[in-house]
Amino acid sequence: MIDRKWGQMILNGEKSIEVRHFKNQQHFGKRVGLCFNGTSRVYGYVTFINNIKFCPRSWIAEQGQHRVLEDTVPYGGKAWGWVCADPEWVGTPFLIHRKVGAQIFQKL
């Protein structure tokens, strides 16, 4: 699940690093579907190809890629960047059955 604003930027190729509070280990190197928060539809696909542990210097250096305008590293300075590759919109978003509760990843 991803906020629509950020998901659209990723799928449009305008944002190539997704910022989260933990390292992406389980889905590293895998193609995943992106669902926007508040929906049960897959809007596109992306492959996560790398993880970046942000420090103040890398946070500023990569700002053009993660597109977050804050000057300090979020999540108490413990943010990770999930580097995205090969973004692809689906022709028609398709419905999935979502689990109940907050979800970051879910098998399709």
C-alpha atoms as a PDB file:
ATOM      1  CA  MET A   1       0.000   0.000   0.000  1.00  0.00           C
ATOM      2  CA  ILE A   2       1.249   3.431  -0.896  1.00  0.00           C
ATOM      3  CA  ASP A   3      -0.142   6.932  -0.772  1.00  0.00           C
ATOM      4  CA  ARG A   4      -1.635   7.807  -4.172  1.00  0.00           C
ATOM      5  CA  LYS A   5       0.602  10.884  -4.580  1.00  0.00           C
ATOM      6  CA  TRP A   6       3.812   8.869  -4.150  1.00  0.00           C
ATOM      7  CA  GLY A   7       2.559   5.846  -6.089  1.00  0.00           C
ATOM      8  CA  GLN A   8       1.650   7.959  -9.094  1.00  0.00           C
ATOM      9  CA  MET A   9       5.059   9.636  -9.006  1.00  0.00           C
ATOM     10  CA  ILE A  10       6.778   6.231  -8.933  1.00  0.00           C
ATOM     11  CA  LEU A  11       4.688   4.826 -11.770  1.00  0.00           C
ATOM     12  CA  ASN A  12       5.257   8.004 -13.826  1.00  0.00           C
ATOM     13  CA  GLY A  13       9.032   7.694 -13.312  1.00  0.00           C
ATOM     14  CA  GLU A  14       9.207  10.961 -11.338  1.00  0.00           C
ATOM     15  CA  LYS A  15      10.241   9.292  -8.053  1.00  0.00           C
ATOM     16  CA  SER A  16      12.677   6.386  -7.917  1.00  0.00           C
ATOM     17  CA  ILE A  17      13.159   5.926  -4.165  1.00  0.00           C
ATOM     18  CA  GLU A  18      10.319   5.048  -1.792  1.00  0.00           C
ATOM     19  CA  VAL A  19      11.010   6.087   1.831  1.00  0.00           C
ATOM     20  CA  ARG A  20      10.085   3.726   4.651  1.00  0.00           C
ATOM     21  CA  HIS A  21      11.134   3.148   8.257  1.00  0.00           C
ATOM     22  CA  PHE A  22      12.624  -0.305   7.622  1.00  0.00           C
ATOM     23  CA  LYS A  23      14.829  -2.112   5.142  1.00  0.00           C
ATOM     24  CA  ASN A  24      13.094  -4.007   2.343  1.00  0.00           C
ATOM     25  CA  GLN A  25      14.385  -7.559   2.696  1.00  0.00           C
ATOM     26  CA  GLN A  26      11.461  -9.797   1.796  1.00  0.00           C
ATOM     27  CA  HIS A  27      10.673  -8.184  -1.570  1.00  0.00           C
ATOM     28  CA  PHE A  28      14.143  -7.064  -2.607  1.00  0.00           C
ATOM     29  CA  GLY A  29      14.714  -7.828  -6.293  1.00  0.00           C
ATOM     30  CA  LYS A  30      11.078  -8.755  -6.851  1.00  0.00           C
ATOM     31  CA  ARG A  31       8.386  -7.185  -9.004  1.00  0.00           C
ATOM     32  CA  VAL A  32       5.441  -6.049  -6.875  1.00  0.00           C
ATOM     33  CA  GLY A  33       2.049  -4.518  -7.534  1.00  0.00           C
ATOM     34  CA  LEU A  34       1.274  -1.067  -6.166  1.00  0.00           C
ATOM     35  CA  CYS A  35      -2.089  -0.451  -4.509  1.00  0.00           C
ATOM     36  CA  PHE A  36      -2.967   3.066  -3.451  1.00  0.00           C
ATOM     37  CA  ASN A  37      -4.092   3.617   0.142  1.00  0.00           C
ATOM     38  CA  GLY A  38      -7.840   3.361   0.551  1.00  0.00           C
ATOM     39  CA  THR A  39      -8.298   1.167  -2.527  1.00  0.00           C
ATOM     40  CA  SER A  40      -8.275  -2.538  -3.265  1.00  0.00           C
ATOM     41  CA  ARG A  41      -6.858  -2.208  -6.768  1.00  0.00           C
ATOM     42  CA  VAL A  42      -3.424  -2.736  -8.276  1.00  0.00           C
ATOM     43  CA  TYR A  43      -2.490   0.278 -10.389  1.00  0.00           C
ATOM     44  CA  GLY A  44       0.950  -0.758 -11.554  1.00  0.00           C
ATOM     45  CA  TYR A  45       4.146  -2.657 -10.916  1.00  0.00           C
ATOM     46  CA  VAL A  46       7.663  -1.816  -9.796  1.00  0.00           C
ATOM     47  CA  THR A  47      10.816  -3.784  -8.944  1.00  0.00           C
ATOM     48  CA  PHE A  48      12.762  -2.916  -5.788  1.00  0.00           C
ATOM     49  CA  ILE A  49      16.445  -3.204  -6.725  1.00  0.00           C
ATOM     50  CA  ASN A  50      18.322  -1.724  -3.785  1.00  0.00           C
ATOM     51  CA  ASN A  51      18.066  -0.419  -0.224  1.00  0.00           C
ATOM     52  CA  ILE A  52      19.635   2.815   0.986  1.00  0.00           C
ATOM     53  CA  LYS A  53      20.148   3.536   4.687  1.00  0.00           C
ATOM     54  CA  PHE A  54      19.762   7.293   4.839  1.00  0.00           C
ATOM     55  CA  CYS A  55      22.089   9.546   6.774  1.00  0.00           C
ATOM     56  CA  PRO A  56      21.778  13.353   6.711  1.00  0.00           C
ATOM     57  CA  ARG A  57      24.173  13.617   3.752  1.00  0.00           C
ATOM     58  CA  SER A  58      22.528  10.915   1.603  1.00  0.00           C
ATOM     59  CA  TRP A  59      19.051  12.232   2.494  1.00  0.00           C
ATOM     60  CA  ILE A  60      19.873  15.596   0.933  1.00  0.00           C
ATOM     61  CA  ALA A  61      21.872  14.089  -1.956  1.00  0.00           C
ATOM     62  CA  GLU A  62      18.967  11.796  -2.955  1.00  0.00           C
ATOM     63  CA  GLN A  63      16.186  14.350  -2.472  1.00  0.00           C
ATOM     64  CA  GLY A  64      15.582  14.564  -6.223  1.00  0.00           C
ATOM     65  CA  GLN A  65      14.918  10.814  -6.235  1.00  0.00           C
ATOM     66  CA  HIS A  66      12.806  10.374  -3.066  1.00  0.00           C
ATOM     67  CA  ARG A  67      11.065  13.752  -3.579  1.00  0.00           C
ATOM     68  CA  VAL A  68      10.380  14.353   0.146  1.00  0.00           C
ATOM     69  CA  LEU A  69      10.900  18.044   0.873  1.00  0.00           C
ATOM     70  CA  GLU A  70      11.812  17.702   4.562  1.00  0.00           C
ATOM     71  CA  ASP A  71      15.408  18.690   5.344  1.00  0.00           C
ATOM     72  CA  THR A  72      15.919  16.046   8.030  1.00  0.00           C
ATOM     73  CA  VAL A  73      15.793  12.271   7.771  1.00  0.00           C
ATOM     74  CA  PRO A  74      12.321  11.086   8.878  1.00  0.00           C
ATOM     75  CA  TYR A  75      11.468   8.287  11.302  1.00  0.00           C
ATOM     76  CA  GLY A  76      13.835   9.663  13.920  1.00  0.00           C
ATOM     77  CA  GLY A  77      16.758   9.500  11.503  1.00  0.00           C
ATOM     78  CA  LYS A  78      16.219   5.805  10.789  1.00  0.00           C
ATOM     79  CA  ALA A  79      14.759   5.923   7.278  1.00  0.00           C
ATOM     80  CA  TRP A  80      15.449   3.515   4.430  1.00  0.00           C
ATOM     81  CA  GLY A  81      15.103   4.135   0.740  1.00  0.00           C
ATOM     82  CA  TRP A  82      13.742   1.375  -1.472  1.00  0.00           C
ATOM     83  CA  VAL A  83      15.162   1.983  -4.941  1.00  0.00           C
ATOM     84  CA  CYS A  84      12.538   1.374  -7.632  1.00  0.00           C
ATOM     85  CA  ALA A  85      13.080   0.247 -11.214  1.00  0.00           C
ATOM     86  CA  ASP A  86      10.918  -0.562 -14.237  1.00  0.00           C
ATOM     87  CA  PRO A  87       7.706   1.189 -13.151  1.00  0.00           C
ATOM     88  CA  GLU A  88       4.717   0.143 -15.210  1.00  0.00           C
ATOM     89  CA  TRP A  89       1.073   1.230 -15.070  1.00  0.00           C
ATOM     90  CA  VAL A  90      -1.474  -1.513 -15.690  1.00  0.00           C
ATOM     91  CA  GLY A  91      -3.966  -0.810 -18.474  1.00  0.00           C
ATOM     92  CA  THR A  92      -6.948  -1.223 -16.186  1.00  0.00           C
ATOM     93  CA  PRO A  93      -6.463  -1.335 -12.399  1.00  0.00           C
ATOM     94  CA  PHE A  94      -7.635  -4.697 -11.084  1.00  0.00           C
ATOM     95  CA  LEU A  95      -9.362  -5.568  -7.849  1.00  0.00           C
ATOM     96  CA  ILE A  96      -7.679  -7.700  -5.184  1.00  0.00           C
ATOM     97  CA  HIS A  97      -9.020  -9.182  -1.964  1.00  0.00           C
ATOM     98  CA  ARG A  98      -7.326  -7.231   0.839  1.00  0.00           C
ATOM     99  CA  LYS A  99      -6.600  -8.544   4.290  1.00  0.00           C
ATOM    100  CA  VAL A 100      -8.191  -6.688   7.186  1.00  0.00           C
ATOM    101  CA  GLY A 101      -6.028  -4.094   8.946  1.00  0.00           C
ATOM    102  CA  ALA A 102      -2.962  -2.108   8.001  1.00  0.00           C
ATOM    103  CA  GLN A 103      -0.952  -3.699   5.202  1.00  0.00           C
ATOM    104  CA  ILE A 104       2.340  -2.857   3.559  1.00  0.00           C
ATOM    105  CA  PHE A 105       2.691  -6.037   1.513  1.00  0.00           C
ATOM    106  CA  GLN A 106       0.196  -8.688   0.554  1.00  0.00           C
ATOM    107  CA  LYS A 107       0.482 -11.613  -1.851  1.00  0.00           C
ATOM    108  CA  LEU A 108      -1.671 -11.157  -4.922  1.00  0.00           C
END
